[in-house]
PDB file of N, CA and C in Angstrom:
ATOM      1  N   UNK A   1      32.508  33.080  -9.498  1.00  0.00           N
ATOM      2  CA  UNK A   1      31.626  31.934  -9.491  1.00  0.00           C
ATOM      3  C   UNK A   1      32.488  30.679  -9.663  1.00  0.00           C
ATOM      4  N   UNK A   2      32.239  29.693  -8.828  1.00  0.00           N
ATOM      5  CA  UNK A   2      32.912  28.398  -8.929  1.00  0.00           C
ATOM      6  C   UNK A   2      31.852  27.315  -8.999  1.00  0.00           C
ATOM      7  N   UNK A   3      32.269  26.111  -9.358  1.00  0.00           N
ATOM      8  CA  UNK A   3      31.287  25.026  -9.444  1.00  0.00           C
ATOM      9  C   UNK A   3      31.954  23.681  -9.220  1.00  0.00           C
ATOM     10  N   UNK A   4      31.106  22.707  -8.977  1.00  0.00           N
ATOM     11  CA  UNK A   4      31.538  21.324  -8.796  1.00  0.00           C
ATOM     12  C   UNK A   4      30.456  20.428  -9.410  1.00  0.00           C
ATOM     13  N   UNK A   5      30.881  19.329  -9.969  1.00  0.00           N
ATOM     14  CA  UNK A   5      29.957  18.300 -10.448  1.00  0.00           C
ATOM     15  C   UNK A   5      30.088  17.088  -9.552  1.00  0.00           C
ATOM     16  N   UNK A   6      28.964  16.565  -9.122  1.00  0.00           N
ATOM     17  CA  UNK A   6      28.947  15.370  -8.274  1.00  0.00           C
ATOM     18  C   UNK A   6      28.163  14.290  -9.003  1.00  0.00           C
ATOM     19  N   UNK A   7      28.801  13.163  -9.208  1.00  0.00           N
ATOM     20  CA  UNK A   7      28.173  12.024  -9.885  1.00  0.00           C
ATOM     21  C   UNK A   7      27.325  11.249  -8.875  1.00  0.00           C
ATOM     22  N   UNK A   8      26.091  10.955  -9.244  1.00  0.00           N
ATOM     23  CA  UNK A   8      25.198  10.172  -8.381  1.00  0.00           C
ATOM     24  C   UNK A   8      25.527   8.701  -8.604  1.00  0.00           C
ATOM     25  N   UNK A   9      26.052   8.050  -7.580  1.00  0.00           N
ATOM     26  CA  UNK A   9      26.428   6.640  -7.681  1.00  0.00           C
ATOM     27  C   UNK A   9      25.528   5.739  -6.844  1.00  0.00           C
ATOM     28  N   UNK A  10      24.706   6.339  -5.993  1.00  0.00           N
ATOM     29  CA  UNK A  10      23.788   5.566  -5.167  1.00  0.00           C
ATOM     30  C   UNK A  10      22.768   4.881  -6.086  1.00  0.00           C
ATOM     31  N   UNK A  11      22.573   3.573  -5.959  1.00  0.00           N
ATOM     32  CA  UNK A  11      21.615   2.870  -6.817  1.00  0.00           C
ATOM     33  C   UNK A  11      20.188   3.421  -6.719  1.00  0.00           C
ATOM     34  N   UNK A  12      19.852   4.061  -5.587  1.00  0.00           N
ATOM     35  CA  UNK A  12      18.522   4.638  -5.399  1.00  0.00           C
ATOM     36  C   UNK A  12      18.439   6.090  -5.861  1.00  0.00           C
ATOM     37  N   UNK A  13      19.521   6.620  -6.416  1.00  0.00           N
ATOM     38  CA  UNK A  13      19.529   8.008  -6.870  1.00  0.00           C
ATOM     39  C   UNK A  13      19.701   8.971  -5.712  1.00  0.00           C
ATOM     40  N   UNK A  14      19.286  10.195  -5.945  1.00  0.00           N
ATOM     41  CA  UNK A  14      19.376  11.223  -4.909  1.00  0.00           C
ATOM     42  C   UNK A  14      18.203  11.048  -3.946  1.00  0.00           C
ATOM     43  N   UNK A  15      18.469  10.396  -2.842  1.00  0.00           N
ATOM     44  CA  UNK A  15      17.425  10.109  -1.853  1.00  0.00           C
ATOM     45  C   UNK A  15      17.169  11.346  -0.989  1.00  0.00           C
ATOM     46  N   UNK A  16      16.048  11.376  -0.275  1.00  0.00           N
ATOM     47  CA  UNK A  16      15.791  12.505   0.624  1.00  0.00           C
ATOM     48  C   UNK A  16      16.903  12.715   1.646  1.00  0.00           C
ATOM     49  N   UNK A  17      17.475  11.642   2.160  1.00  0.00           N
ATOM     50  CA  UNK A  17      18.559  11.774   3.140  1.00  0.00           C
ATOM     51  C   UNK A  17      19.774  12.443   2.518  1.00  0.00           C
ATOM     52  N   UNK A  18      20.130  12.029   1.309  1.00  0.00           N
ATOM     53  CA  UNK A  18      21.283  12.622   0.634  1.00  0.00           C
ATOM     54  C   UNK A  18      21.009  14.080   0.269  1.00  0.00           C
ATOM     55  N   UNK A  19      19.789  14.368  -0.174  1.00  0.00           N
ATOM     56  CA  UNK A  19      19.420  15.749  -0.483  1.00  0.00           C
ATOM     57  C   UNK A  19      19.523  16.615   0.770  1.00  0.00           C
ATOM     58  N   UNK A  20      19.085  16.088   1.897  1.00  0.00           N
ATOM     59  CA  UNK A  20      19.155  16.823   3.163  1.00  0.00           C
ATOM     60  C   UNK A  20      20.602  17.108   3.548  1.00  0.00           C
ATOM     61  N   UNK A  21      21.510  16.175   3.281  1.00  0.00           N
ATOM     62  CA  UNK A  21      22.936  16.400   3.558  1.00  0.00           C
ATOM     63  C   UNK A  21      23.471  17.556   2.722  1.00  0.00           C
ATOM     64  N   UNK A  22      23.080  17.621   1.454  1.00  0.00           N
ATOM     65  CA  UNK A  22      23.519  18.712   0.589  1.00  0.00           C
ATOM     66  C   UNK A  22      22.963  20.054   1.074  1.00  0.00           C
ATOM     67  N   UNK A  23      21.692  20.080   1.442  1.00  0.00           N
ATOM     68  CA  UNK A  23      21.068  21.311   1.926  1.00  0.00           C
ATOM     69  C   UNK A  23      21.723  21.754   3.232  1.00  0.00           C
ATOM     70  N   UNK A  24      21.987  20.810   4.120  1.00  0.00           N
ATOM     71  CA  UNK A  24      22.629  21.144   5.394  1.00  0.00           C
ATOM     72  C   UNK A  24      24.008  21.760   5.151  1.00  0.00           C
ATOM     73  N   UNK A  25      24.769  21.186   4.239  1.00  0.00           N
ATOM     74  CA  UNK A  25      26.090  21.730   3.918  1.00  0.00           C
ATOM     75  C   UNK A  25      25.951  23.120   3.311  1.00  0.00           C
ATOM     76  N   UNK A  26      25.007  23.313   2.406  1.00  0.00           N
ATOM     77  CA  UNK A  26      24.812  24.614   1.751  1.00  0.00           C
ATOM     78  C   UNK A  26      24.494  25.709   2.757  1.00  0.00           C
ATOM     79  N   UNK A  27      23.758  25.364   3.786  1.00  0.00           N
ATOM     80  CA  UNK A  27      23.364  26.366   4.769  1.00  0.00           C
ATOM     81  C   UNK A  27      24.495  26.774   5.702  1.00  0.00           C
ATOM     82  N   UNK A  28      25.675  26.181   5.550  1.00  0.00           N
ATOM     83  CA  UNK A  28      26.843  26.591   6.321  1.00  0.00           C
ATOM     84  C   UNK A  28      27.533  27.816   5.716  1.00  0.00           C
ATOM     85  N   UNK A  29      27.084  28.263   4.545  1.00  0.00           N
ATOM     86  CA  UNK A  29      27.773  29.331   3.813  1.00  0.00           C
ATOM     87  C   UNK A  29      26.809  30.453   3.457  1.00  0.00           C
ATOM     88  N   UNK A  30      27.357  31.651   3.305  1.00  0.00           N
ATOM     89  CA  UNK A  30      26.510  32.800   2.972  1.00  0.00           C
ATOM     90  C   UNK A  30      26.365  33.014   1.469  1.00  0.00           C
ATOM     91  N   UNK A  31      27.216  32.405   0.659  1.00  0.00           N
ATOM     92  CA  UNK A  31      27.133  32.590  -0.791  1.00  0.00           C
ATOM     93  C   UNK A  31      25.878  31.915  -1.353  1.00  0.00           C
ATOM     94  N   UNK A  32      25.509  32.334  -2.563  1.00  0.00           N
ATOM     95  CA  UNK A  32      24.393  31.699  -3.266  1.00  0.00           C
ATOM     96  C   UNK A  32      24.866  30.351  -3.791  1.00  0.00           C
ATOM     97  N   UNK A  33      24.078  29.311  -3.571  1.00  0.00           N
ATOM     98  CA  UNK A  33      24.426  27.972  -4.029  1.00  0.00           C
ATOM     99  C   UNK A  33      23.221  27.406  -4.777  1.00  0.00           C
ATOM    100  N   UNK A  34      23.447  27.041  -6.029  1.00  0.00           N
ATOM    101  CA  UNK A  34      22.385  26.481  -6.864  1.00  0.00           C
ATOM    102  C   UNK A  34      22.800  25.123  -7.402  1.00  0.00           C
ATOM    103  N   UNK A  35      21.820  24.255  -7.610  1.00  0.00           N
ATOM    104  CA  UNK A  35      22.087  22.917  -8.115  1.00  0.00           C
ATOM    105  C   UNK A  35      21.125  22.607  -9.252  1.00  0.00           C
ATOM    106  N   UNK A  36      21.643  21.929 -10.275  1.00  0.00           N
ATOM    107  CA  UNK A  36      20.785  21.439 -11.343  1.00  0.00           C
ATOM    108  C   UNK A  36      21.206  20.014 -11.676  1.00  0.00           C
ATOM    109  N   UNK A  37      20.302  19.308 -12.324  1.00  0.00           N
ATOM    110  CA  UNK A  37      20.609  17.938 -12.732  1.00  0.00           C
ATOM    111  C   UNK A  37      20.888  17.868 -14.229  1.00  0.00           C
ATOM    112  N   UNK A  38      21.027  19.029 -14.856  1.00  0.00           N
ATOM    113  CA  UNK A  38      21.330  19.073 -16.275  1.00  0.00           C
ATOM    114  C   UNK A  38      20.112  19.083 -17.173  1.00  0.00           C
ATOM    115  N   UNK A  39      18.963  18.713 -16.642  1.00  0.00           N
ATOM    116  CA  UNK A  39      17.751  18.694 -17.465  1.00  0.00           C
ATOM    117  C   UNK A  39      16.745  19.750 -17.026  1.00  0.00           C
ATOM    118  N   UNK A  40      16.877  20.236 -15.815  1.00  0.00           N
ATOM    119  CA  UNK A  40      15.965  21.244 -15.289  1.00  0.00           C
ATOM    120  C   UNK A  40      16.738  22.528 -15.023  1.00  0.00           C
ATOM    121  N   UNK A  41      16.018  23.613 -14.831  1.00  0.00           N
ATOM    122  CA  UNK A  41      16.622  24.920 -14.607  1.00  0.00           C
ATOM    123  C   UNK A  41      17.526  24.929 -13.381  1.00  0.00           C
ATOM    124  N   UNK A  42      17.195  24.215 -12.373  1.00  0.00           N
ATOM    125  CA  UNK A  42      17.976  24.194 -11.141  1.00  0.00           C
ATOM    126  C   UNK A  42      17.197  24.793  -9.992  1.00  0.00           C
ATOM    127  N   UNK A  43      17.846  24.813  -8.842  1.00  0.00           N
ATOM    128  CA  UNK A  43      17.155  25.287  -7.649  1.00  0.00           C
ATOM    129  C   UNK A  43      18.156  25.842  -6.648  1.00  0.00           C
ATOM    130  N   UNK A  44      17.624  26.579  -5.686  1.00  0.00           N
ATOM    131  CA  UNK A  44      18.400  27.087  -4.561  1.00  0.00           C
ATOM    132  C   UNK A  44      18.681  25.896  -3.652  1.00  0.00           C
ATOM    133  N   UNK A  45      19.949  25.591  -3.461  1.00  0.00           N
ATOM    134  CA  UNK A  45      20.314  24.403  -2.685  1.00  0.00           C
ATOM    135  C   UNK A  45      20.128  24.601  -1.188  1.00  0.00           C
ATOM    136  N   UNK A  46      19.783  25.793  -0.763  1.00  0.00           N
ATOM    137  CA  UNK A  46      19.571  26.038   0.665  1.00  0.00           C
ATOM    138  C   UNK A  46      18.141  25.733   1.100  1.00  0.00           C
ATOM    139  N   UNK A  47      17.304  25.300   0.173  1.00  0.00           N
ATOM    140  CA  UNK A  47      15.907  25.000   0.483  1.00  0.00           C
ATOM    141  C   UNK A  47      15.592  23.549   0.111  1.00  0.00           C
ATOM    142  N   UNK A  48      15.285  22.737   1.094  1.00  0.00           N
ATOM    143  CA  UNK A  48      14.985  21.333   0.845  1.00  0.00           C
ATOM    144  C   UNK A  48      13.744  21.191  -0.040  1.00  0.00           C
ATOM    145  N   UNK A  49      12.786  22.081   0.107  1.00  0.00           N
ATOM    146  CA  UNK A  49      11.581  21.998  -0.714  1.00  0.00           C
ATOM    147  C   UNK A  49      11.899  22.303  -2.183  1.00  0.00           C
ATOM    148  N   UNK A  50      12.802  23.248  -2.428  1.00  0.00           N
ATOM    149  CA  UNK A  50      13.213  23.529  -3.803  1.00  0.00           C
ATOM    150  C   UNK A  50      13.917  22.326  -4.411  1.00  0.00           C
ATOM    151  N   UNK A  51      14.750  21.674  -3.633  1.00  0.00           N
ATOM    152  CA  UNK A  51      15.473  20.503  -4.133  1.00  0.00           C
ATOM    153  C   UNK A  51      14.482  19.397  -4.472  1.00  0.00           C
ATOM    154  N   UNK A  52      13.535  19.106  -3.578  1.00  0.00           N
ATOM    155  CA  UNK A  52      12.559  18.050  -3.833  1.00  0.00           C
ATOM    156  C   UNK A  52      11.680  18.375  -5.034  1.00  0.00           C
ATOM    157  N   UNK A  53      11.371  19.656  -5.232  1.00  0.00           N
ATOM    158  CA  UNK A  53      10.485  20.044  -6.313  1.00  0.00           C
ATOM    159  C   UNK A  53      11.158  20.175  -7.663  1.00  0.00           C
ATOM    160  N   UNK A  54      12.487  20.252  -7.680  1.00  0.00           N
ATOM    161  CA  UNK A  54      13.185  20.556  -8.933  1.00  0.00           C
ATOM    162  C   UNK A  54      14.128  19.475  -9.434  1.00  0.00           C
ATOM    163  N   UNK A  55      14.689  18.702  -8.539  1.00  0.00           N
ATOM    164  CA  UNK A  55      15.767  17.792  -8.927  1.00  0.00           C
ATOM    165  C   UNK A  55      15.302  16.342  -8.851  1.00  0.00           C
ATOM    166  N   UNK A  56      15.442  15.656  -9.961  1.00  0.00           N
ATOM    167  CA  UNK A  56      15.209  14.218 -10.009  1.00  0.00           C
ATOM    168  C   UNK A  56      16.484  13.620 -10.586  1.00  0.00           C
ATOM    169  N   UNK A  57      17.265  12.996  -9.735  1.00  0.00           N
ATOM    170  CA  UNK A  57      18.549  12.456 -10.187  1.00  0.00           C
ATOM    171  C   UNK A  57      18.633  10.984  -9.832  1.00  0.00           C
ATOM    172  N   UNK A  58      18.912  10.190 -10.825  1.00  0.00           N
ATOM    173  CA  UNK A  58      19.074   8.757 -10.626  1.00  0.00           C
ATOM    174  C   UNK A  58      20.543   8.372 -10.686  1.00  0.00           C
ATOM    175  N   UNK A  59      20.804   7.113 -10.441  1.00  0.00           N
ATOM    176  CA  UNK A  59      22.174   6.611 -10.500  1.00  0.00           C
ATOM    177  C   UNK A  59      22.763   6.899 -11.878  1.00  0.00           C
ATOM    178  N   UNK A  60      23.969   7.429 -11.891  1.00  0.00           N
ATOM    179  CA  UNK A  60      24.644   7.756 -13.138  1.00  0.00           C
ATOM    180  C   UNK A  60      24.478   9.202 -13.574  1.00  0.00           C
ATOM    181  N   UNK A  61      23.511   9.923 -12.989  1.00  0.00           N
ATOM    182  CA  UNK A  61      23.320  11.334 -13.320  1.00  0.00           C
ATOM    183  C   UNK A  61      24.390  12.176 -12.633  1.00  0.00           C
ATOM    184  N   UNK A  62      24.551  13.393 -13.114  1.00  0.00           N
ATOM    185  CA  UNK A  62      25.520  14.319 -12.538  1.00  0.00           C
ATOM    186  C   UNK A  62      24.790  15.542 -12.009  1.00  0.00           C
ATOM    187  N   UNK A  63      25.105  15.911 -10.774  1.00  0.00           N
ATOM    188  CA  UNK A  63      24.558  17.120 -10.164  1.00  0.00           C
ATOM    189  C   UNK A  63      25.561  18.247 -10.380  1.00  0.00           C
ATOM    190  N   UNK A  64      25.106  19.375 -10.903  1.00  0.00           N
ATOM    191  CA  UNK A  64      25.950  20.539 -11.148  1.00  0.00           C
ATOM    192  C   UNK A  64      25.645  21.562 -10.055  1.00  0.00           C
ATOM    193  N   UNK A  65      26.645  21.891  -9.250  1.00  0.00           N
ATOM    194  CA  UNK A  65      26.458  22.826  -8.147  1.00  0.00           C
ATOM    195  C   UNK A  65      27.346  24.042  -8.392  1.00  0.00           C
ATOM    196  N   UNK A  66      26.738  25.236  -8.330  1.00  0.00           N
ATOM    197  CA  UNK A  66      27.487  26.474  -8.529  1.00  0.00           C
ATOM    198  C   UNK A  66      27.428  27.317  -7.259  1.00  0.00           C
ATOM    199  N   UNK A  67      28.523  27.996  -7.000  1.00  0.00           N
ATOM    200  CA  UNK A  67      28.678  28.838  -5.819  1.00  0.00           C
ATOM    201  C   UNK A  67      28.993  30.254  -6.291  1.00  0.00           C
ATOM    202  N   UNK A  68      28.341  31.246  -5.704  1.00  0.00           N
ATOM    203  CA  UNK A  68      28.589  32.625  -6.094  1.00  0.00           C
ATOM    204  C   UNK A  68      28.459  33.520  -4.867  1.00  0.00           C
ATOM    205  N   UNK A  69      29.569  34.089  -4.434  1.00  0.00           N
ATOM    206  CA  UNK A  69      29.530  34.975  -3.282  1.00  0.00           C
ATOM    207  C   UNK A  69      30.861  35.025  -2.561  1.00  0.00           C
ATOM    208  N   UNK A  70      30.863  35.696  -1.435  1.00  0.00           N
ATOM    209  CA  UNK A  70      32.102  35.950  -0.703  1.00  0.00           C
ATOM    210  C   UNK A  70      32.821  34.693  -0.226  1.00  0.00           C
ATOM    211  N   UNK A  71      32.092  33.690   0.207  1.00  0.00           N
ATOM    212  CA  UNK A  71      32.738  32.485   0.734  1.00  0.00           C
ATOM    213  C   UNK A  71      32.595  31.285  -0.206  1.00  0.00           C
ATOM    214  N   UNK A  72      32.534  31.551  -1.512  1.00  0.00           N
ATOM    215  CA  UNK A  72      32.340  30.463  -2.474  1.00  0.00           C
ATOM    216  C   UNK A  72      33.489  29.468  -2.477  1.00  0.00           C
ATOM    217  N   UNK A  73      34.707  29.917  -2.233  1.00  0.00           N
ATOM    218  CA  UNK A  73      35.853  29.001  -2.218  1.00  0.00           C
ATOM    219  C   UNK A  73      35.749  28.044  -1.025  1.00  0.00           C
ATOM    220  N   UNK A  74      35.354  28.563   0.118  1.00  0.00           N
ATOM    221  CA  UNK A  74      35.157  27.708   1.291  1.00  0.00           C
ATOM    222  C   UNK A  74      34.017  26.729   1.060  1.00  0.00           C
ATOM    223  N   UNK A  75      32.960  27.187   0.413  1.00  0.00           N
ATOM    224  CA  UNK A  75      31.823  26.309   0.115  1.00  0.00           C
ATOM    225  C   UNK A  75      32.251  25.195  -0.838  1.00  0.00           C
ATOM    226  N   UNK A  76      33.030  25.535  -1.839  1.00  0.00           N
ATOM    227  CA  UNK A  76      33.531  24.527  -2.771  1.00  0.00           C
ATOM    228  C   UNK A  76      34.340  23.476  -2.034  1.00  0.00           C
ATOM    229  N   UNK A  77      35.209  23.909  -1.142  1.00  0.00           N
ATOM    230  CA  UNK A  77      36.009  22.960  -0.341  1.00  0.00           C
ATOM    231  C   UNK A  77      35.110  22.069   0.509  1.00  0.00           C
ATOM    232  N   UNK A  78      34.088  22.663   1.119  1.00  0.00           N
ATOM    233  CA  UNK A  78      33.170  21.891   1.954  1.00  0.00           C
ATOM    234  C   UNK A  78      32.416  20.841   1.160  1.00  0.00           C
ATOM    235  N   UNK A  79      31.981  21.184  -0.038  1.00  0.00           N
ATOM    236  CA  UNK A  79      31.250  20.225  -0.867  1.00  0.00           C
ATOM    237  C   UNK A  79      32.168  19.138  -1.417  1.00  0.00           C
ATOM    238  N   UNK A  80      33.419  19.495  -1.703  1.00  0.00           N
ATOM    239  CA  UNK A  80      34.376  18.470  -2.133  1.00  0.00           C
ATOM    240  C   UNK A  80      34.598  17.463  -1.015  1.00  0.00           C
ATOM    241  N   UNK A  81      34.752  17.951   0.200  1.00  0.00           N
ATOM    242  CA  UNK A  81      34.933  17.059   1.350  1.00  0.00           C
ATOM    243  C   UNK A  81      33.698  16.186   1.564  1.00  0.00           C
ATOM    244  N   UNK A  82      32.515  16.777   1.429  1.00  0.00           N
ATOM    245  CA  UNK A  82      31.278  16.014   1.589  1.00  0.00           C
ATOM    246  C   UNK A  82      31.169  14.929   0.521  1.00  0.00           C
ATOM    247  N   UNK A  83      31.509  15.268  -0.707  1.00  0.00           N
ATOM    248  CA  UNK A  83      31.423  14.306  -1.812  1.00  0.00           C
ATOM    249  C   UNK A  83      32.389  13.142  -1.608  1.00  0.00           C
ATOM    250  N   UNK A  84      33.495  13.369  -0.914  1.00  0.00           N
ATOM    251  CA  UNK A  84      34.448  12.290  -0.660  1.00  0.00           C
ATOM    252  C   UNK A  84      34.004  11.372   0.478  1.00  0.00           C
ATOM    253  N   UNK A  85      33.186  11.895   1.383  1.00  0.00           N
ATOM    254  CA  UNK A  85      32.790  11.091   2.543  1.00  0.00           C
ATOM    255  C   UNK A  85      31.443  10.409   2.379  1.00  0.00           C
ATOM    256  N   UNK A  86      30.622  10.880   1.426  1.00  0.00           N
ATOM    257  CA  UNK A  86      29.294  10.298   1.239  1.00  0.00           C
ATOM    258  C   UNK A  86      29.161   9.693  -0.148  1.00  0.00           C
ATOM    259  N   UNK A  87      28.349   8.663  -0.261  1.00  0.00           N
ATOM    260  CA  UNK A  87      28.069   8.043  -1.545  1.00  0.00           C
ATOM    261  C   UNK A  87      26.792   8.658  -2.114  1.00  0.00           C
ATOM    262  N   UNK A  88      26.973   9.609  -3.007  1.00  0.00           N
ATOM    263  CA  UNK A  88      25.831  10.259  -3.640  1.00  0.00           C
ATOM    264  C   UNK A  88      25.415   9.456  -4.844  1.00  0.00           C
TER     265      UNK A  88
END
């Protein structure tokens, strides 16, 4: 199991567009990927409806993403690259 923390720096928080980018990236991998905002149990990051129903993240919050499975290292690399190119 590996993980990454992504700081939300967007003044509008985790917007639907940004959430969709995370879900799209998650669906590139076969491993289990879960996200939490530190206050809720978390959700399956491969489902946009789960993300909308579970995660409320504002500017300054941290998203905790965990990867578990055969391609978790590749998924971690992909999310690191995404975090560098997008303002979450």
